[in-house]
């Protein structure tokens, strides 16, 4: 998996990702990053800017790091390693890797114990997600599951309460107490939460809006609710 750009590179160099190869353009002159590479005893290979751009078209800033693919966690590990009360976020087929990366970054900042995603019809952890999440993947667990509904049932057996999000519901996101093991479900960017997932939710909440726009980006909606849960858990 190729990660590029200075900020992403710094996160990788200082993080726990296993680095396979580092490429710098011949004109790369960021002394801070070069010092960091030497500090961590990483070697690197220089290439012409043309070859760098061929490897990673776009704003690569002259640095590319080839890392091992992300290793997902299993559900049992996620549950066992979580704090008490526990807080997970399930993404019901989020398709945009930029949204996935932003949600992972937000969840890490809010102290979420883990993010759960399905293994089909969903964005997976790739170079874009790595870049957008800005190092958050070093500090939060992402779990890949085959069936969201079955996963919700397993979590409920472990004492979790499941909270879904939907515009067409009366209860607002700030009505709940949240002082319990929580699993928040965020729906697909276009279609929202599926009917089967909604039926498995203990609560359905909305984010009240007063403007003419009646929907929010999935990552923005996630941020609003997870920080409300963080706030309530500390009261």
C-alpha atoms as a PDB file:
ATOM      1  CA  UNK A   1       0.000   0.000   0.000  1.00  0.00           C
ATOM      2  CA  UNK A   2       1.493   3.332  -1.074  1.00  0.00           C
ATOM      3  CA  UNK A   3       1.154   6.292   1.295  1.00  0.00           C
ATOM      4  CA  UNK A   4       2.289   9.698   0.095  1.00  0.00           C
ATOM      5  CA  UNK A   5       2.513  13.306   1.261  1.00  0.00           C
ATOM      6  CA  UNK A   6       4.570  14.803   4.086  1.00  0.00           C
ATOM      7  CA  UNK A   7       2.000  14.715   6.904  1.00  0.00           C
ATOM      8  CA  UNK A   8       1.009  11.136   6.141  1.00  0.00           C
ATOM      9  CA  UNK A   9       4.668  10.155   5.893  1.00  0.00           C
ATOM     10  CA  UNK A  10       5.454  11.609   9.317  1.00  0.00           C
ATOM     11  CA  UNK A  11       2.547   9.670  10.859  1.00  0.00           C
ATOM     12  CA  UNK A  12       3.789   6.451   9.266  1.00  0.00           C
ATOM     13  CA  UNK A  13       7.430   6.982  10.265  1.00  0.00           C
ATOM     14  CA  UNK A  14       6.484   7.725  13.876  1.00  0.00           C
ATOM     15  CA  UNK A  15       3.723   5.107  14.038  1.00  0.00           C
ATOM     16  CA  UNK A  16       3.445   1.346  14.192  1.00  0.00           C
ATOM     17  CA  UNK A  17       2.995   0.552  10.503  1.00  0.00           C
ATOM     18  CA  UNK A  18       5.523  -1.845   8.996  1.00  0.00           C
ATOM     19  CA  UNK A  19       7.411   0.022   6.288  1.00  0.00           C
ATOM     20  CA  UNK A  20       8.546  -1.918   3.233  1.00  0.00           C
ATOM     21  CA  UNK A  21      10.148   0.859   1.186  1.00  0.00           C
ATOM     22  CA  UNK A  22      10.582   4.640   1.219  1.00  0.00           C
ATOM     23  CA  UNK A  23      10.984   6.705  -1.945  1.00  0.00           C
ATOM     24  CA  UNK A  24      12.075  10.344  -2.074  1.00  0.00           C
ATOM     25  CA  UNK A  25      12.298  12.542  -5.133  1.00  0.00           C
ATOM     26  CA  UNK A  26      15.785  13.696  -6.080  1.00  0.00           C
ATOM     27  CA  UNK A  27      14.799  17.260  -5.165  1.00  0.00           C
ATOM     28  CA  UNK A  28      13.252  16.362  -1.790  1.00  0.00           C
ATOM     29  CA  UNK A  29      14.764  18.686   0.815  1.00  0.00           C
ATOM     30  CA  UNK A  30      12.542  18.552   3.900  1.00  0.00           C
ATOM     31  CA  UNK A  31      15.212  18.479   6.611  1.00  0.00           C
ATOM     32  CA  UNK A  32      12.744  17.560   9.363  1.00  0.00           C
ATOM     33  CA  UNK A  33      11.606  14.399   7.582  1.00  0.00           C
ATOM     34  CA  UNK A  34      15.128  13.408   6.573  1.00  0.00           C
ATOM     35  CA  UNK A  35      16.220  13.855  10.208  1.00  0.00           C
ATOM     36  CA  UNK A  36      13.245  11.767  11.320  1.00  0.00           C
ATOM     37  CA  UNK A  37      14.183   8.982   8.891  1.00  0.00           C
ATOM     38  CA  UNK A  38      17.728   8.933  10.240  1.00  0.00           C
ATOM     39  CA  UNK A  39      16.498   8.977  13.831  1.00  0.00           C
ATOM     40  CA  UNK A  40      14.366   5.877  13.221  1.00  0.00           C
ATOM     41  CA  UNK A  41      17.112   4.307  11.087  1.00  0.00           C
ATOM     42  CA  UNK A  42      15.043   4.041   7.907  1.00  0.00           C
ATOM     43  CA  UNK A  43      16.841   3.874   4.588  1.00  0.00           C
ATOM     44  CA  UNK A  44      15.300   5.383   1.473  1.00  0.00           C
ATOM     45  CA  UNK A  45      15.668   5.341  -2.279  1.00  0.00           C
ATOM     46  CA  UNK A  46      15.753   8.473  -4.422  1.00  0.00           C
ATOM     47  CA  UNK A  47      13.907   8.613  -7.737  1.00  0.00           C
ATOM     48  CA  UNK A  48      13.304  11.228 -10.397  1.00  0.00           C
ATOM     49  CA  UNK A  49      10.191  13.329  -9.914  1.00  0.00           C
ATOM     50  CA  UNK A  50       8.748  11.683 -13.048  1.00  0.00           C
ATOM     51  CA  UNK A  51       9.030   8.217 -11.495  1.00  0.00           C
ATOM     52  CA  UNK A  52       7.636   9.492  -8.190  1.00  0.00           C
ATOM     53  CA  UNK A  53       4.638  10.964 -10.017  1.00  0.00           C
ATOM     54  CA  UNK A  54       4.136   7.707 -11.910  1.00  0.00           C
ATOM     55  CA  UNK A  55       4.000   5.808  -8.615  1.00  0.00           C
ATOM     56  CA  UNK A  56       1.644   8.281  -6.930  1.00  0.00           C
ATOM     57  CA  UNK A  57      -0.041  10.756  -9.288  1.00  0.00           C
ATOM     58  CA  UNK A  58      -1.231  13.907  -7.578  1.00  0.00           C
ATOM     59  CA  UNK A  59       0.032  15.876  -4.605  1.00  0.00           C
ATOM     60  CA  UNK A  60       2.689  13.459  -3.334  1.00  0.00           C
ATOM     61  CA  UNK A  61       5.105  16.209  -2.165  1.00  0.00           C
ATOM     62  CA  UNK A  62       8.051  14.112  -3.286  1.00  0.00           C
ATOM     63  CA  UNK A  63       7.727  11.319  -0.716  1.00  0.00           C
ATOM     64  CA  UNK A  64       6.106   7.880  -0.974  1.00  0.00           C
ATOM     65  CA  UNK A  65       6.110   5.136   1.642  1.00  0.00           C
ATOM     66  CA  UNK A  66       5.188   1.555   0.794  1.00  0.00           C
ATOM     67  CA  UNK A  67       3.612  -0.059   3.873  1.00  0.00           C
ATOM     68  CA  UNK A  68       2.032  -3.415   4.580  1.00  0.00           C
ATOM     69  CA  UNK A  69      -1.726  -3.634   4.094  1.00  0.00           C
ATOM     70  CA  UNK A  70      -3.779  -2.819   7.172  1.00  0.00           C
ATOM     71  CA  UNK A  71      -4.417  -5.797   9.459  1.00  0.00           C
ATOM     72  CA  UNK A  72      -7.997  -5.758  10.705  1.00  0.00           C
ATOM     73  CA  UNK A  73      -9.034  -6.841  14.198  1.00  0.00           C
ATOM     74  CA  UNK A  74     -11.605  -9.535  14.909  1.00  0.00           C
ATOM     75  CA  UNK A  75     -14.733  -8.762  16.924  1.00  0.00           C
ATOM     76  CA  UNK A  76     -13.694 -10.740  19.995  1.00  0.00           C
ATOM     77  CA  UNK A  77     -10.403  -8.852  20.254  1.00  0.00           C
ATOM     78  CA  UNK A  78     -12.297  -5.595  19.874  1.00  0.00           C
ATOM     79  CA  UNK A  79     -14.660  -6.455  22.724  1.00  0.00           C
ATOM     80  CA  UNK A  80     -11.952  -7.788  25.038  1.00  0.00           C
ATOM     81  CA  UNK A  81      -9.680  -4.766  24.611  1.00  0.00           C
ATOM     82  CA  UNK A  82     -12.386  -2.095  25.020  1.00  0.00           C
ATOM     83  CA  UNK A  83     -12.703   0.092  28.101  1.00  0.00           C
ATOM     84  CA  UNK A  84     -15.782   0.064  30.353  1.00  0.00           C
ATOM     85  CA  UNK A  85     -18.284   1.318  29.363  1.00  0.00           C
ATOM     86  CA  UNK A  86     -17.390   0.454  25.779  1.00  0.00           C
ATOM     87  CA  UNK A  87     -18.120   2.485  22.671  1.00  0.00           C
ATOM     88  CA  UNK A  88     -18.083   1.133  19.109  1.00  0.00           C
ATOM     89  CA  UNK A  89     -19.166   2.656  15.808  1.00  0.00           C
ATOM     90  CA  UNK A  90     -20.581   0.463  13.033  1.00  0.00           C
ATOM     91  CA  UNK A  91     -20.585   1.863   9.503  1.00  0.00           C
ATOM     92  CA  UNK A  92     -23.438   0.453   7.437  1.00  0.00           C
ATOM     93  CA  UNK A  93     -21.763   0.360   4.005  1.00  0.00           C
ATOM     94  CA  UNK A  94     -19.962   3.701   3.869  1.00  0.00           C
ATOM     95  CA  UNK A  95     -18.602   3.763   0.317  1.00  0.00           C
ATOM     96  CA  UNK A  96     -16.395   6.863   0.119  1.00  0.00           C
ATOM     97  CA  UNK A  97     -12.847   6.231   1.436  1.00  0.00           C
ATOM     98  CA  UNK A  98     -12.559   9.937   2.295  1.00  0.00           C
ATOM     99  CA  UNK A  99     -15.602   9.585   4.559  1.00  0.00           C
ATOM    100  CA  UNK A 100     -14.188   6.423   6.114  1.00  0.00           C
ATOM    101  CA  UNK A 101     -10.854   8.114   6.803  1.00  0.00           C
ATOM    102  CA  UNK A 102     -12.528  11.190   8.295  1.00  0.00           C
ATOM    103  CA  UNK A 103     -14.803   9.037  10.485  1.00  0.00           C
ATOM    104  CA  UNK A 104     -11.858   6.994  11.769  1.00  0.00           C
ATOM    105  CA  UNK A 105      -9.982  10.199  12.610  1.00  0.00           C
ATOM    106  CA  UNK A 106     -13.014  11.639  14.430  1.00  0.00           C
ATOM    107  CA  UNK A 107     -13.673   8.399  16.316  1.00  0.00           C
ATOM    108  CA  UNK A 108     -10.078   8.223  17.514  1.00  0.00           C
ATOM    109  CA  UNK A 109     -10.274  11.827  18.736  1.00  0.00           C
ATOM    110  CA  UNK A 110     -13.497  11.061  20.640  1.00  0.00           C
ATOM    111  CA  UNK A 111     -12.109   7.952  22.335  1.00  0.00           C
ATOM    112  CA  UNK A 112     -14.176   5.391  20.424  1.00  0.00           C
ATOM    113  CA  UNK A 113     -12.896   1.866  21.134  1.00  0.00           C
ATOM    114  CA  UNK A 114     -13.320   0.528  17.625  1.00  0.00           C
ATOM    115  CA  UNK A 115     -14.853   1.042  14.190  1.00  0.00           C
ATOM    116  CA  UNK A 116     -16.645  -1.888  12.557  1.00  0.00           C
ATOM    117  CA  UNK A 117     -17.123  -2.129   8.784  1.00  0.00           C
ATOM    118  CA  UNK A 118     -18.568  -4.834   6.495  1.00  0.00           C
ATOM    119  CA  UNK A 119     -16.287  -6.717   4.123  1.00  0.00           C
ATOM    120  CA  UNK A 120     -18.517  -6.162   1.075  1.00  0.00           C
ATOM    121  CA  UNK A 121     -20.026  -3.077  -0.593  1.00  0.00           C
ATOM    122  CA  UNK A 122     -18.035  -0.815   1.699  1.00  0.00           C
ATOM    123  CA  UNK A 123     -14.879   1.273   1.599  1.00  0.00           C
ATOM    124  CA  UNK A 124     -11.900  -0.588   3.057  1.00  0.00           C
ATOM    125  CA  UNK A 125      -8.717   0.733   4.634  1.00  0.00           C
ATOM    126  CA  UNK A 126      -6.559   1.811   1.689  1.00  0.00           C
ATOM    127  CA  UNK A 127      -3.990   4.522   0.998  1.00  0.00           C
ATOM    128  CA  UNK A 128      -6.679   7.232   0.795  1.00  0.00           C
ATOM    129  CA  UNK A 129      -8.152   6.205   4.150  1.00  0.00           C
ATOM    130  CA  UNK A 130      -4.649   6.121   5.656  1.00  0.00           C
ATOM    131  CA  UNK A 131      -3.938   9.624   4.365  1.00  0.00           C
ATOM    132  CA  UNK A 132      -7.256  11.173   5.436  1.00  0.00           C
ATOM    133  CA  UNK A 133      -7.187   9.563   8.897  1.00  0.00           C
ATOM    134  CA  UNK A 134      -3.827  11.281   9.564  1.00  0.00           C
ATOM    135  CA  UNK A 135      -2.278   8.619  11.770  1.00  0.00           C
ATOM    136  CA  UNK A 136      -5.454   7.759  13.704  1.00  0.00           C
ATOM    137  CA  UNK A 137      -5.213   4.117  12.587  1.00  0.00           C
ATOM    138  CA  UNK A 138      -2.228   3.692  14.896  1.00  0.00           C
ATOM    139  CA  UNK A 139      -4.502   4.347  17.877  1.00  0.00           C
ATOM    140  CA  UNK A 140      -7.900   2.874  17.035  1.00  0.00           C
ATOM    141  CA  UNK A 141      -8.955  -0.626  16.013  1.00  0.00           C
ATOM    142  CA  UNK A 142     -10.892  -1.311  12.817  1.00  0.00           C
ATOM    143  CA  UNK A 143     -12.812  -4.575  12.614  1.00  0.00           C
ATOM    144  CA  UNK A 144     -13.982  -6.229   9.389  1.00  0.00           C
ATOM    145  CA  UNK A 145     -17.163  -8.340   9.620  1.00  0.00           C
ATOM    146  CA  UNK A 146     -19.206 -10.362   7.156  1.00  0.00           C
ATOM    147  CA  UNK A 147     -22.661  -9.417   8.457  1.00  0.00           C
ATOM    148  CA  UNK A 148     -23.649  -6.252  10.322  1.00  0.00           C
ATOM    149  CA  UNK A 149     -26.926  -7.590  11.738  1.00  0.00           C
ATOM    150  CA  UNK A 150     -25.247 -10.688  13.185  1.00  0.00           C
ATOM    151  CA  UNK A 151     -22.514  -8.474  14.624  1.00  0.00           C
ATOM    152  CA  UNK A 152     -25.126  -6.286  16.315  1.00  0.00           C
ATOM    153  CA  UNK A 153     -26.772  -9.376  17.809  1.00  0.00           C
ATOM    154  CA  UNK A 154     -23.434 -10.568  19.202  1.00  0.00           C
ATOM    155  CA  UNK A 155     -22.755  -7.157  20.716  1.00  0.00           C
ATOM    156  CA  UNK A 156     -26.209  -7.046  22.308  1.00  0.00           C
ATOM    157  CA  UNK A 157     -25.510 -10.439  23.873  1.00  0.00           C
ATOM    158  CA  UNK A 158     -22.415  -8.816  25.404  1.00  0.00           C
ATOM    159  CA  UNK A 159     -24.485  -6.029  26.951  1.00  0.00           C
ATOM    160  CA  UNK A 160     -24.329  -3.359  24.241  1.00  0.00           C
ATOM    161  CA  UNK A 161     -27.174  -1.011  23.344  1.00  0.00           C
ATOM    162  CA  UNK A 162     -27.426  -0.220  19.640  1.00  0.00           C
ATOM    163  CA  UNK A 163     -28.223   3.310  18.484  1.00  0.00           C
ATOM    164  CA  UNK A 164     -29.082   3.966  14.844  1.00  0.00           C
ATOM    165  CA  UNK A 165     -29.311   7.288  13.026  1.00  0.00           C
ATOM    166  CA  UNK A 166     -32.192   8.385  10.821  1.00  0.00           C
ATOM    167  CA  UNK A 167     -33.760  11.703   9.832  1.00  0.00           C
ATOM    168  CA  UNK A 168     -37.343  10.414  10.035  1.00  0.00           C
ATOM    169  CA  UNK A 169     -37.494   9.705  13.758  1.00  0.00           C
ATOM    170  CA  UNK A 170     -38.708  11.783  16.713  1.00  0.00           C
ATOM    171  CA  UNK A 171     -35.960  11.103  19.252  1.00  0.00           C
ATOM    172  CA  UNK A 172     -32.949  13.419  18.987  1.00  0.00           C
ATOM    173  CA  UNK A 173     -29.362  12.305  19.546  1.00  0.00           C
ATOM    174  CA  UNK A 174     -29.056  14.326  22.777  1.00  0.00           C
ATOM    175  CA  UNK A 175     -32.120  12.696  24.405  1.00  0.00           C
ATOM    176  CA  UNK A 176     -30.256   9.522  25.370  1.00  0.00           C
ATOM    177  CA  UNK A 177     -28.124   9.020  28.470  1.00  0.00           C
ATOM    178  CA  UNK A 178     -25.312   6.990  26.824  1.00  0.00           C
ATOM    179  CA  UNK A 179     -23.892   5.845  30.184  1.00  0.00           C
ATOM    180  CA  UNK A 180     -23.792   2.256  28.991  1.00  0.00           C
ATOM    181  CA  UNK A 181     -22.017   0.089  26.423  1.00  0.00           C
ATOM    182  CA  UNK A 182     -22.907   1.835  23.167  1.00  0.00           C
ATOM    183  CA  UNK A 183     -22.753   0.781  19.545  1.00  0.00           C
ATOM    184  CA  UNK A 184     -23.576   3.691  17.225  1.00  0.00           C
ATOM    185  CA  UNK A 185     -24.610   2.815  13.664  1.00  0.00           C
ATOM    186  CA  UNK A 186     -24.011   5.296  10.833  1.00  0.00           C
ATOM    187  CA  UNK A 187     -25.748   4.632   7.520  1.00  0.00           C
ATOM    188  CA  UNK A 188     -24.671   4.730   3.899  1.00  0.00           C
ATOM    189  CA  UNK A 189     -24.092   8.169   2.337  1.00  0.00           C
ATOM    190  CA  UNK A 190     -27.105   7.876   0.040  1.00  0.00           C
ATOM    191  CA  UNK A 191     -29.540   5.319   1.420  1.00  0.00           C
ATOM    192  CA  UNK A 192     -28.818   5.545   5.142  1.00  0.00           C
ATOM    193  CA  UNK A 193     -29.262   2.580   7.466  1.00  0.00           C
ATOM    194  CA  UNK A 194     -30.752  -0.543   5.884  1.00  0.00           C
ATOM    195  CA  UNK A 195     -34.138  -1.831   7.054  1.00  0.00           C
ATOM    196  CA  UNK A 196     -32.641  -4.990   8.555  1.00  0.00           C
ATOM    197  CA  UNK A 197     -30.090  -2.981  10.535  1.00  0.00           C
ATOM    198  CA  UNK A 198     -32.765  -0.531  11.716  1.00  0.00           C
ATOM    199  CA  UNK A 199     -34.914  -3.388  13.037  1.00  0.00           C
ATOM    200  CA  UNK A 200     -31.985  -4.533  15.179  1.00  0.00           C
ATOM    201  CA  UNK A 201     -31.447  -1.068  16.738  1.00  0.00           C
ATOM    202  CA  UNK A 202     -32.590  -0.434  20.308  1.00  0.00           C
ATOM    203  CA  UNK A 203     -32.884   3.291  19.622  1.00  0.00           C
ATOM    204  CA  UNK A 204     -33.151   5.473  16.532  1.00  0.00           C
ATOM    205  CA  UNK A 205     -32.058   9.105  16.809  1.00  0.00           C
ATOM    206  CA  UNK A 206     -31.856  12.120  14.542  1.00  0.00           C
ATOM    207  CA  UNK A 207     -29.844  15.337  14.398  1.00  0.00           C
ATOM    208  CA  UNK A 208     -32.356  18.216  14.363  1.00  0.00           C
ATOM    209  CA  UNK A 209     -31.734  20.754  11.608  1.00  0.00           C
ATOM    210  CA  UNK A 210     -33.371  24.116  10.956  1.00  0.00           C
ATOM    211  CA  UNK A 211     -31.844  25.043   7.604  1.00  0.00           C
ATOM    212  CA  UNK A 212     -33.060  24.202   4.125  1.00  0.00           C
ATOM    213  CA  UNK A 213     -30.530  21.377   3.778  1.00  0.00           C
ATOM    214  CA  UNK A 214     -32.021  18.313   5.456  1.00  0.00           C
ATOM    215  CA  UNK A 215     -29.014  16.006   5.541  1.00  0.00           C
ATOM    216  CA  UNK A 216     -25.388  15.983   6.654  1.00  0.00           C
ATOM    217  CA  UNK A 217     -22.256  14.303   5.362  1.00  0.00           C
ATOM    218  CA  UNK A 218     -21.776  10.938   7.107  1.00  0.00           C
ATOM    219  CA  UNK A 219     -18.494  11.981   8.719  1.00  0.00           C
ATOM    220  CA  UNK A 220     -19.992  15.253  10.004  1.00  0.00           C
ATOM    221  CA  UNK A 221     -23.005  13.441  11.475  1.00  0.00           C
ATOM    222  CA  UNK A 222     -20.683  10.933  13.123  1.00  0.00           C
ATOM    223  CA  UNK A 223     -18.643  13.732  14.680  1.00  0.00           C
ATOM    224  CA  UNK A 224     -21.686  15.455  16.163  1.00  0.00           C
ATOM    225  CA  UNK A 225     -22.999  12.302  17.823  1.00  0.00           C
ATOM    226  CA  UNK A 226     -19.751  10.711  19.030  1.00  0.00           C
ATOM    227  CA  UNK A 227     -18.740  13.881  20.848  1.00  0.00           C
ATOM    228  CA  UNK A 228     -22.177  14.077  22.451  1.00  0.00           C
ATOM    229  CA  UNK A 229     -21.657  10.505  23.663  1.00  0.00           C
ATOM    230  CA  UNK A 230     -18.201  11.473  24.964  1.00  0.00           C
ATOM    231  CA  UNK A 231     -19.712  14.452  26.793  1.00  0.00           C
ATOM    232  CA  UNK A 232     -22.533  12.402  28.360  1.00  0.00           C
ATOM    233  CA  UNK A 233     -20.134   9.642  29.430  1.00  0.00           C
ATOM    234  CA  UNK A 234     -18.114  12.188  31.425  1.00  0.00           C
ATOM    235  CA  UNK A 235     -21.041  13.808  33.238  1.00  0.00           C
END
